[in-house]
Protein backbone atom coordinates (compact mmCIF):
# COMPACT_ATOMS: atom_id res chain seq x y z
CA UNK A 1 79.62 132.33 130.20
CA UNK A 2 80.64 128.92 128.94
CA UNK A 3 84.29 128.09 128.63
CA UNK A 4 85.39 125.45 126.17
CA UNK A 5 88.34 123.26 126.89
CA UNK A 6 90.85 123.20 124.10
CA UNK A 7 90.95 119.76 122.62
CA UNK A 8 94.50 118.48 122.37
CA UNK A 9 95.38 116.27 119.46
CA UNK A 10 97.23 113.06 120.19
CA UNK A 11 98.19 112.64 116.52
CA UNK A 12 101.13 114.13 114.64
CA UNK A 13 100.87 115.88 111.28
CA UNK A 14 100.87 112.53 109.41
CA UNK A 15 98.01 111.17 111.50
CA UNK A 16 100.23 108.87 113.58
CA UNK A 17 99.19 108.60 117.24
CA UNK A 18 101.61 110.32 119.61
CA UNK A 19 100.06 109.39 122.96
CA UNK A 20 102.41 107.41 125.20
CA UNK A 21 100.94 107.50 128.70
CA UNK A 22 98.39 104.75 129.36
CA UNK A 23 99.11 103.05 126.02
CA UNK A 24 100.48 99.51 125.89
CA UNK A 25 104.11 99.00 125.03
CA UNK A 26 103.17 96.80 122.06
CA UNK A 27 100.91 99.52 120.64
CA UNK A 28 103.55 102.23 121.03
CA UNK A 29 106.25 100.02 119.52
CA UNK A 30 104.07 99.20 116.51
CA UNK A 31 104.24 102.85 115.40
CA UNK A 32 106.46 103.49 112.36
CA UNK A 33 108.88 105.89 114.09
CA UNK A 34 109.51 103.72 117.16
CA UNK A 35 112.68 101.66 117.19
CA UNK A 36 114.03 99.63 120.12
CA UNK A 37 112.31 101.45 123.00
CA UNK A 38 109.61 104.12 123.03
CA UNK A 39 111.14 107.39 121.85
CA UNK A 40 109.66 109.26 124.80
CA UNK A 41 111.31 106.90 127.29
CA UNK A 42 114.59 107.27 125.44
CA UNK A 43 114.33 111.07 125.68
CA UNK A 44 113.43 110.95 129.38
CA UNK A 45 116.32 108.63 130.23
CA UNK A 46 118.84 110.54 128.11
CA UNK A 47 117.77 113.81 129.69
CA UNK A 48 117.99 112.44 133.23
CA UNK A 49 121.28 110.74 132.42
CA UNK A 50 122.89 113.91 131.14
CA UNK A 51 121.41 116.41 133.60
CA UNK A 52 121.74 114.70 136.90
CA UNK A 53 123.63 112.04 138.77
CA UNK A 54 121.38 112.02 141.79
CA UNK A 55 119.99 108.67 142.90
CA UNK A 56 117.47 110.57 145.04
CA UNK A 57 115.53 111.38 141.86
CA UNK A 58 113.26 108.41 142.31
CA UNK A 59 113.01 108.49 146.09
CA UNK A 60 111.44 111.90 146.56
CA UNK A 61 107.74 112.61 146.87
CA UNK A 62 108.01 116.27 145.78
CA UNK A 63 105.28 115.76 143.16
CA UNK A 64 103.21 113.32 145.21
CA UNK A 65 102.93 109.59 144.86
CA UNK A 66 102.70 108.00 141.44
CA UNK A 67 99.10 107.00 142.16
CA UNK A 68 98.15 110.65 142.81
CA UNK A 69 99.70 112.07 139.64
CA UNK A 70 96.40 113.55 138.41
CA UNK A 71 96.21 115.81 141.45
CA UNK A 72 99.38 117.68 140.50
CA UNK A 73 99.00 120.30 137.78
CA UNK A 74 102.72 120.31 136.89
CA UNK A 75 102.73 116.54 136.39
CA UNK A 76 99.54 116.64 134.31
CA UNK A 77 100.92 119.47 132.19
CA UNK A 78 104.17 117.62 131.47
CA UNK A 79 102.32 114.40 130.62
CA UNK A 80 100.00 116.31 128.27
CA UNK A 81 103.07 117.87 126.63
CA UNK A 82 104.69 114.46 126.24
CA UNK A 83 101.54 113.02 124.69
CA UNK A 84 101.03 115.88 122.23
CA UNK A 85 104.53 117.05 121.34
CA UNK A 86 106.88 114.35 120.01
CA UNK A 87 109.71 116.93 119.92
CA UNK A 88 109.41 117.92 123.56
CA UNK A 89 112.52 119.20 125.30
CA UNK A 90 112.89 118.61 129.03
CA UNK A 91 115.50 121.32 129.57
CA UNK A 92 113.07 123.73 131.20
CA UNK A 93 111.64 121.12 133.58
CA UNK A 94 112.76 120.22 137.07
CA UNK A 95 114.67 116.88 136.88
CA UNK A 96 112.50 115.58 139.74
CA UNK A 97 109.41 116.27 137.63
CA UNK A 98 110.96 114.51 134.63
CA UNK A 99 111.84 111.51 136.82
CA UNK A 100 108.32 111.51 138.26
CA UNK A 101 106.82 111.44 134.76
CA UNK A 102 108.97 108.39 133.98
CA UNK A 103 107.52 106.64 137.03
CA UNK A 104 104.00 107.64 135.99
CA UNK A 105 104.60 106.20 132.51
CA UNK A 106 105.29 102.75 133.96
CA UNK A 107 102.46 103.09 136.46
CA UNK A 108 99.98 103.76 133.64
CA UNK A 109 101.06 100.91 131.38
CA UNK A 110 98.00 98.68 130.84
CA UNK A 111 100.26 95.61 131.17
CA UNK A 112 103.32 95.64 133.45
CA UNK A 113 106.80 95.74 131.95
CA UNK A 114 107.37 92.27 133.40
CA UNK A 115 104.26 90.40 132.19
CA UNK A 116 102.09 88.75 134.82
CA UNK A 117 102.89 85.24 133.64
CA UNK A 118 106.53 85.74 134.70
CA UNK A 119 105.88 86.97 138.24
CA UNK A 120 105.70 83.51 139.82
CA UNK A 121 108.97 82.26 138.33
CA UNK A 122 110.79 85.46 139.35
CA UNK A 123 109.53 85.18 142.92
CA UNK A 124 110.65 81.56 143.01
CA UNK A 125 114.08 82.60 141.70
CA UNK A 126 114.49 84.93 144.65
CA UNK A 127 113.94 82.00 147.02
CA UNK A 128 116.79 79.91 145.56
CA UNK A 129 119.66 80.00 148.08
CA UNK A 130 122.51 79.33 145.62
CA UNK A 131 123.56 82.45 143.66
CA UNK A 132 124.63 80.50 140.55
CA UNK A 133 121.30 78.68 140.45
CA UNK A 134 119.49 82.02 140.86
CA UNK A 135 121.31 83.39 137.83
CA UNK A 136 120.45 80.32 135.75
CA UNK A 137 116.82 80.61 136.79
CA UNK A 138 116.77 84.29 135.80
CA UNK A 139 118.26 83.47 132.43
CA UNK A 140 115.54 80.89 131.88
CA UNK A 141 112.83 83.34 133.03
CA UNK A 142 113.95 85.95 130.53
CA UNK A 143 114.34 83.48 127.66
CA UNK A 144 113.57 85.54 124.55
CA UNK A 145 111.37 82.82 123.11
CA UNK A 146 108.96 83.33 126.03
CA UNK A 147 109.59 86.86 127.32
CA UNK A 148 108.49 89.66 124.92
CA UNK A 149 111.62 91.12 123.32
CA UNK A 150 110.38 94.75 123.49
CA UNK A 151 109.80 94.35 127.24
CA UNK A 152 113.20 92.74 127.72
CA UNK A 153 115.04 95.49 125.85
CA UNK A 154 113.29 98.25 127.80
CA UNK A 155 113.83 96.45 131.11
CA UNK A 156 117.52 96.02 130.27
CA UNK A 157 117.91 99.73 129.45
CA UNK A 158 116.13 100.70 132.66
CA UNK A 159 118.38 98.45 134.72
CA UNK A 160 121.47 99.97 133.10
CA UNK A 161 120.13 103.47 133.74
CA UNK A 162 119.40 102.73 137.41
CA UNK A 163 122.80 101.06 137.82
CA UNK A 164 124.50 104.12 136.43
CA UNK A 165 122.39 106.42 138.60
CA UNK A 166 123.35 104.47 141.70
CA UNK A 167 127.00 104.11 140.70
CA UNK A 168 128.12 106.94 138.35
CA UNK A 169 131.42 105.20 137.59
CA UNK A 170 129.47 102.25 136.12
């Protein structure tokens, strides 16, 4: 007996690709329905923001390490759902699983959120002893004429989300 695997479409009804995981940020953001950040990331963050205030979300290894995501059936199932269903609701999922899928998203980006060409200047910024000079160096590093705007916006939203997670009164 031969079993056939059901082929899952990664396109919506209009033929627009819906796959998010493993797809570059620039490709996702070039889609007609995407606005300031990928809609999936917005949904993940909004869900986590409204359903939990636990900073331990990103510290646990309940679903394995990010590198081992393919070995966990629950993680694979959620990622498949995210890639095939643009209207996915996370209400029935464990918040730790939702948080883990967010980590996997960034792990699978073909290019890092902070592009490689900015790594050196950011590392150098960390070595500046004066706090005011560090801030000025960071501002220069994230100059919008050099740093991709879509990356900057997403990085900014992530930082705000993590700040709020760590300090709920923020």
